[in-house]
């Protein structure tokens, strides 16, 4: 299989875990719905594997969703605009150019400017201040994805999703109300338990209790869904486990070595939890599911390493 296009550099993207996550998806999905799409890494990877006929891509971050739409529906114009902005940093002080583009984006919310900022900002790490303004600094060691590479990635995403995707910037609960039993929902909500009530990586967070109620309603309606939610680094857990009464199956996915621990001279692995809804488990019995899915317990079982064997 050809490499999967990845135009949006987005820290926290599920791009590196996509293959493992998609291993728990049923085949021949009518519509894959992402209420917390982010960079849409899961939808893009699913489209590359032809796992669904249609895709519903939603995120409350409107410029981000509009950027995804432009790449899919207007790839030439989007790639041309990126090249123009990228070339602008070659004729003047590069960091100053970035800050000018950042100010222009915060004033206009133009998604085409956002693509350059995402490509050039430090570690692809999105950061917002308390007023919702993008405030991440430029990476002074690099100038961001080269235009030719970006163009190939944009056209790759367009080829995968054009004519079969719908885009929206709604509250996730509004999206879930439209879901049917023919759909599969993948949810990767703002990460829990990392930065307290305000996480600068997200425009807005979600309430844990309200999210649990939304999952309970999906169960009552017979909806199949997958959730990436909590995780751990070494023995330290991040976020609240989803409650056992939802009757979800939980898998731990090995996300790799913790760079933060490495800087501190420790070797610790990071794991992320993947939850499968009861309907999904009933719809499709996977050998991997029988081997690695575990009932929700108040502890973690790092047995999902075998997913990468």
Protein backbone atom coordinates (compact mmCIF):
# COMPACT_ATOMS: atom_id res chain seq x y z
CA UNK A 1 0.00 0.00 0.00
CA UNK A 2 1.22 3.48 -0.81
CA UNK A 3 2.07 5.79 2.08
CA UNK A 4 -0.95 7.55 3.55
CA UNK A 5 -0.95 11.32 2.92
CA UNK A 6 -0.52 13.49 5.98
CA UNK A 7 -0.71 17.22 5.15
CA UNK A 8 -1.59 18.51 8.64
CA UNK A 9 1.15 18.27 11.26
CA UNK A 10 -0.84 17.92 14.45
CA UNK A 11 0.59 16.78 17.77
CA UNK A 12 -1.76 14.23 19.31
CA UNK A 13 -2.91 12.98 15.92
CA UNK A 14 -3.74 9.28 15.82
CA UNK A 15 -1.75 8.84 12.62
CA UNK A 16 0.82 6.51 14.21
CA UNK A 17 -1.86 4.45 15.93
CA UNK A 18 -4.24 4.38 12.97
CA UNK A 19 -3.33 0.88 11.79
CA UNK A 20 -3.91 -0.59 15.26
CA UNK A 21 -7.17 1.33 15.75
CA UNK A 22 -8.53 0.39 12.33
CA UNK A 23 -7.88 -3.26 13.17
CA UNK A 24 -10.94 -3.10 15.42
CA UNK A 25 -13.22 -1.52 12.82
CA UNK A 26 -15.74 -3.70 11.01
CA UNK A 27 -15.48 -3.98 7.25
CA UNK A 28 -17.89 -2.34 4.81
CA UNK A 29 -18.93 0.56 7.05
CA UNK A 30 -21.62 2.72 5.43
CA UNK A 31 -20.53 5.95 7.10
CA UNK A 32 -17.60 6.63 9.43
CA UNK A 33 -18.28 9.59 11.70
CA UNK A 34 -15.57 11.53 13.56
CA UNK A 35 -17.11 14.06 15.98
CA UNK A 36 -13.60 15.07 17.20
CA UNK A 37 -11.77 14.78 13.88
CA UNK A 38 -8.68 16.90 14.55
CA UNK A 39 -6.43 16.24 11.56
CA UNK A 40 -8.86 13.51 10.38
CA UNK A 41 -6.03 10.97 10.51
CA UNK A 42 -8.43 8.10 11.17
CA UNK A 43 -10.80 9.00 8.33
CA UNK A 44 -7.87 9.43 5.93
CA UNK A 45 -6.37 6.08 6.94
CA UNK A 46 -9.77 4.37 6.73
CA UNK A 47 -10.34 5.82 3.25
CA UNK A 48 -6.93 4.52 2.15
CA UNK A 49 -8.09 1.06 3.20
CA UNK A 50 -11.57 1.55 1.69
CA UNK A 51 -13.23 0.71 4.99
CA UNK A 52 -16.23 3.03 4.57
CA UNK A 53 -18.40 4.34 1.77
CA UNK A 54 -18.83 7.80 3.30
CA UNK A 55 -17.18 10.01 5.91
CA UNK A 56 -18.56 12.67 8.26
CA UNK A 57 -15.72 14.85 9.55
CA UNK A 58 -16.53 17.21 12.40
CA UNK A 59 -14.55 19.30 14.84
CA UNK A 60 -15.55 22.28 16.95
CA UNK A 61 -12.40 24.02 15.63
CA UNK A 62 -14.01 25.65 12.59
CA UNK A 63 -10.82 26.82 10.77
CA UNK A 64 -9.42 23.31 11.08
CA UNK A 65 -12.51 21.68 9.59
CA UNK A 66 -12.68 24.29 6.85
CA UNK A 67 -9.03 23.60 6.04
CA UNK A 68 -9.80 19.90 5.67
CA UNK A 69 -12.73 20.74 3.40
CA UNK A 70 -10.61 23.00 1.22
CA UNK A 71 -7.92 20.37 0.83
CA UNK A 72 -10.49 17.81 -0.26
CA UNK A 73 -12.66 20.02 -2.47
CA UNK A 74 -10.15 22.66 -3.71
CA UNK A 75 -6.74 20.97 -3.66
CA UNK A 76 -5.08 23.07 -6.36
CA UNK A 77 -6.08 26.42 -4.85
CA UNK A 78 -5.13 25.28 -1.35
CA UNK A 79 -1.71 24.00 -2.44
CA UNK A 80 -1.03 27.18 -4.45
CA UNK A 81 -1.88 29.42 -1.49
CA UNK A 82 0.35 27.40 0.83
CA UNK A 83 3.24 27.67 -1.63
CA UNK A 84 2.79 31.44 -1.81
CA UNK A 85 2.82 31.81 1.98
CA UNK A 86 5.72 29.38 2.40
CA UNK A 87 7.83 31.22 -0.20
CA UNK A 88 7.17 34.49 1.62
CA UNK A 89 9.39 33.40 4.51
CA UNK A 90 12.36 33.12 2.13
CA UNK A 91 12.40 36.82 1.27
CA UNK A 92 12.27 38.24 4.81
CA UNK A 93 13.12 37.36 8.38
CA UNK A 94 11.56 33.94 8.74
CA UNK A 95 10.23 34.15 12.34
CA UNK A 96 8.84 37.63 11.66
CA UNK A 97 6.97 36.28 8.64
CA UNK A 98 5.50 33.51 10.79
CA UNK A 99 4.30 35.97 13.44
CA UNK A 100 2.73 38.16 10.74
CA UNK A 101 0.85 35.14 9.39
CA UNK A 102 -0.17 34.15 12.92
CA UNK A 103 -1.58 37.63 13.61
CA UNK A 104 -3.38 37.59 10.27
CA UNK A 105 -4.90 34.20 11.07
CA UNK A 106 -6.08 35.26 14.52
CA UNK A 107 -7.78 38.28 12.96
CA UNK A 108 -9.35 36.52 9.98
CA UNK A 109 -9.51 32.80 10.93
CA UNK A 110 -8.52 32.08 7.33
CA UNK A 111 -7.94 28.30 7.24
CA UNK A 112 -5.37 28.62 4.45
CA UNK A 113 -3.12 30.58 6.82
CA UNK A 114 -3.69 27.92 9.45
CA UNK A 115 -2.09 25.28 7.22
CA UNK A 116 1.18 27.23 7.13
CA UNK A 117 1.13 27.77 10.91
CA UNK A 118 0.54 24.07 11.54
CA UNK A 119 3.40 23.14 9.22
CA UNK A 120 5.84 25.61 10.78
CA UNK A 121 4.98 25.74 14.50
CA UNK A 122 7.09 24.02 17.16
CA UNK A 123 6.68 20.21 16.99
CA UNK A 124 3.33 20.60 15.24
CA UNK A 125 1.97 21.38 18.70
CA UNK A 126 -1.22 23.43 18.54
CA UNK A 127 -1.55 25.93 21.39
CA UNK A 128 -4.27 28.46 22.20
CA UNK A 129 -4.48 31.16 24.85
CA UNK A 130 -7.45 31.66 27.16
CA UNK A 131 -9.12 33.87 24.52
CA UNK A 132 -8.94 31.12 21.90
CA UNK A 133 -6.13 32.78 19.91
CA UNK A 134 -3.48 30.56 18.34
CA UNK A 135 -0.24 31.42 20.17
CA UNK A 136 2.32 28.74 19.34
CA UNK A 137 5.80 29.89 18.31
CA UNK A 138 7.65 29.00 15.09
CA UNK A 139 10.20 26.24 14.96
CA UNK A 140 13.35 28.23 14.18
CA UNK A 141 15.27 25.15 13.05
CA UNK A 142 13.00 24.38 10.10
CA UNK A 143 10.73 26.17 7.68
CA UNK A 144 7.89 23.68 7.54
CA UNK A 145 6.80 21.19 4.91
CA UNK A 146 8.13 22.06 1.47
CA UNK A 147 5.45 23.11 -1.04
CA UNK A 148 5.99 20.14 -3.36
CA UNK A 149 5.58 17.69 -0.49
CA UNK A 150 2.55 19.54 0.82
CA UNK A 151 0.98 19.57 -2.63
CA UNK A 152 1.39 15.79 -2.94
CA UNK A 153 -0.18 15.28 0.47
CA UNK A 154 -3.10 17.60 -0.27
CA UNK A 155 -3.84 15.90 -3.57
CA UNK A 156 -3.53 12.53 -1.88
CA UNK A 157 -6.16 13.43 0.73
CA UNK A 158 -8.41 14.88 -1.95
CA UNK A 159 -8.21 11.69 -4.00
CA UNK A 160 -9.22 9.62 -0.97
CA UNK A 161 -12.10 11.74 0.35
CA UNK A 162 -13.50 13.85 -2.49
CA UNK A 163 -17.14 13.11 -3.28
CA UNK A 164 -17.67 10.97 -0.20
CA UNK A 165 -17.14 13.38 2.70
CA UNK A 166 -19.21 15.91 4.64
CA UNK A 167 -17.68 18.53 6.94
CA UNK A 168 -19.09 20.36 9.96
CA UNK A 169 -18.02 22.35 13.02
CA UNK A 170 -20.69 21.36 15.54
CA UNK A 171 -20.79 20.36 19.16
CA UNK A 172 -20.16 16.62 19.32
CA UNK A 173 -23.55 16.01 20.92
CA UNK A 174 -25.29 17.54 17.92
CA UNK A 175 -23.33 15.19 15.66
CA UNK A 176 -24.21 12.13 17.74
CA UNK A 177 -27.91 12.90 17.45
CA UNK A 178 -27.67 12.27 13.68
CA UNK A 179 -25.98 8.87 13.96
CA UNK A 180 -27.81 5.75 12.77
CA UNK A 181 -27.28 2.04 13.36
CA UNK A 182 -25.62 1.78 9.93
CA UNK A 183 -22.83 4.14 11.03
CA UNK A 184 -19.60 3.64 12.92
CA UNK A 185 -18.50 6.46 15.24
CA UNK A 186 -14.85 7.01 16.14
CA UNK A 187 -14.25 9.49 18.96
CA UNK A 188 -10.97 11.00 20.12
CA UNK A 189 -12.12 13.75 22.50
CA UNK A 190 -9.78 16.28 24.16
CA UNK A 191 -7.37 14.30 26.28
CA UNK A 192 -8.39 14.00 29.89
CA UNK A 193 -6.37 14.69 33.02
CA UNK A 194 -3.30 16.32 31.49
CA UNK A 195 -3.60 20.06 31.97
CA UNK A 196 -6.42 20.56 34.45
CA UNK A 197 -9.56 22.39 33.40
CA UNK A 198 -7.87 24.40 30.65
CA UNK A 199 -5.80 22.52 28.10
CA UNK A 200 -4.11 24.99 25.76
CA UNK A 201 -4.10 22.40 22.97
CA UNK A 202 -7.85 22.68 22.49
CA UNK A 203 -10.25 25.50 21.80
CA UNK A 204 -12.65 23.92 24.27
CA UNK A 205 -12.75 20.83 26.43
CA UNK A 206 -15.57 18.44 27.23
CA UNK A 207 -17.19 17.51 30.50
CA UNK A 208 -16.45 13.91 31.49
CA UNK A 209 -19.91 13.31 32.97
CA UNK A 210 -21.69 14.70 29.91
CA UNK A 211 -19.52 12.57 27.64
CA UNK A 212 -20.39 9.44 29.62
CA UNK A 213 -24.09 10.29 29.32
CA UNK A 214 -23.67 10.65 25.55
CA UNK A 215 -22.07 7.19 25.38
CA UNK A 216 -24.87 5.74 27.48
CA UNK A 217 -27.40 7.14 25.01
CA UNK A 218 -25.49 5.64 22.08
CA UNK A 219 -25.66 2.25 23.81
CA UNK A 220 -29.41 2.61 24.27
CA UNK A 221 -29.79 3.42 20.57
CA UNK A 222 -27.69 0.45 19.46
CA UNK A 223 -24.89 2.51 17.91
CA UNK A 224 -21.46 1.01 17.18
CA UNK A 225 -18.59 3.22 18.32
CA UNK A 226 -14.90 3.29 19.23
CA UNK A 227 -13.37 5.74 21.73
CA UNK A 228 -9.77 6.78 22.34
CA UNK A 229 -9.82 8.31 25.78
CA UNK A 230 -7.47 7.82 28.74
CA UNK A 231 -3.92 6.57 28.91
CA UNK A 232 -0.83 6.14 31.02
CA UNK A 233 2.91 6.73 31.01
CA UNK A 234 4.71 4.08 33.00
CA UNK A 235 2.67 3.72 36.19
CA UNK A 236 1.09 7.18 35.95
CA UNK A 237 -2.45 7.25 34.58
CA UNK A 238 -3.98 10.21 32.74
CA UNK A 239 -7.70 10.76 32.73
CA UNK A 240 -10.67 8.96 34.20
CA UNK A 241 -11.55 5.48 33.05
CA UNK A 242 -14.93 5.18 31.41
CA UNK A 243 -17.38 3.54 33.84
CA UNK A 244 -17.92 -0.20 33.86
CA UNK A 245 -21.71 0.05 33.55
CA UNK A 246 -21.25 1.12 29.90
CA UNK A 247 -20.06 -2.47 29.31
CA UNK A 248 -17.27 -1.40 26.98
CA UNK A 249 -14.27 -3.52 26.10
CA UNK A 250 -10.94 -1.81 26.62
CA UNK A 251 -7.66 -2.38 24.81
CA UNK A 252 -4.35 -0.74 25.59
CA UNK A 253 -2.37 0.36 22.54
CA UNK A 254 1.35 0.91 22.80
CA UNK A 255 1.94 4.50 21.67
CA UNK A 256 5.73 4.42 21.99
CA UNK A 257 8.43 5.65 24.31
CA UNK A 258 7.67 8.79 26.29
CA UNK A 259 9.87 11.64 25.04
CA UNK A 260 9.24 13.53 28.28
CA UNK A 261 10.54 10.63 30.36
CA UNK A 262 13.54 10.26 28.06
CA UNK A 263 14.50 13.89 28.72
CA UNK A 264 14.39 13.10 32.43
CA UNK A 265 16.64 10.09 31.98
CA UNK A 266 13.88 7.50 32.37
CA UNK A 267 12.66 4.84 29.97
CA UNK A 268 8.88 4.72 30.11
CA UNK A 269 6.36 3.61 27.54
CA UNK A 270 3.13 5.43 26.77
CA UNK A 271 -0.14 3.54 26.35
CA UNK A 272 -3.50 4.79 25.12
CA UNK A 273 -6.84 3.15 25.85
CA UNK A 274 -9.24 2.16 23.10
CA UNK A 275 -12.84 1.39 24.08
CA UNK A 276 -15.21 -0.68 21.96
CA UNK A 277 -18.97 -0.41 22.35
CA UNK A 278 -21.08 -3.51 23.12
CA UNK A 279 -22.82 -3.30 19.74
CA UNK A 280 -19.51 -3.19 17.91
CA UNK A 281 -18.26 -6.24 19.77
CA UNK A 282 -21.49 -8.09 18.92
CA UNK A 283 -21.39 -7.04 15.25
CA UNK A 284 -17.97 -8.36 14.53
CA UNK A 285 -15.89 -10.93 16.39
CA UNK A 286 -12.22 -10.38 15.63
CA UNK A 287 -9.44 -12.79 16.59
CA UNK A 288 -7.49 -9.79 17.90
CA UNK A 289 -10.48 -8.75 19.95
CA UNK A 290 -10.75 -12.14 21.61
CA UNK A 291 -7.02 -12.02 22.36
CA UNK A 292 -6.64 -8.46 23.56
CA UNK A 293 -9.95 -6.95 24.63
CA UNK A 294 -10.44 -6.89 28.38
CA UNK A 295 -13.35 -5.96 30.62
CA UNK A 296 -12.95 -2.52 32.15
CA UNK A 297 -10.99 -2.80 35.37
CA UNK A 298 -9.57 -0.12 37.70
CA UNK A 299 -6.09 -0.97 36.43
CA UNK A 300 -4.26 -1.29 33.14
CA UNK A 301 -3.16 -4.50 31.44
CA UNK A 302 -0.32 -3.81 28.94
CA UNK A 303 -1.03 -6.84 26.79
CA UNK A 304 -1.76 -4.94 23.58
CA UNK A 305 1.92 -4.96 22.61
CA UNK A 306 1.07 -8.07 20.63
CA UNK A 307 -0.89 -5.87 18.26
CA UNK A 308 2.45 -4.78 16.86
CA UNK A 309 3.98 -8.23 16.57
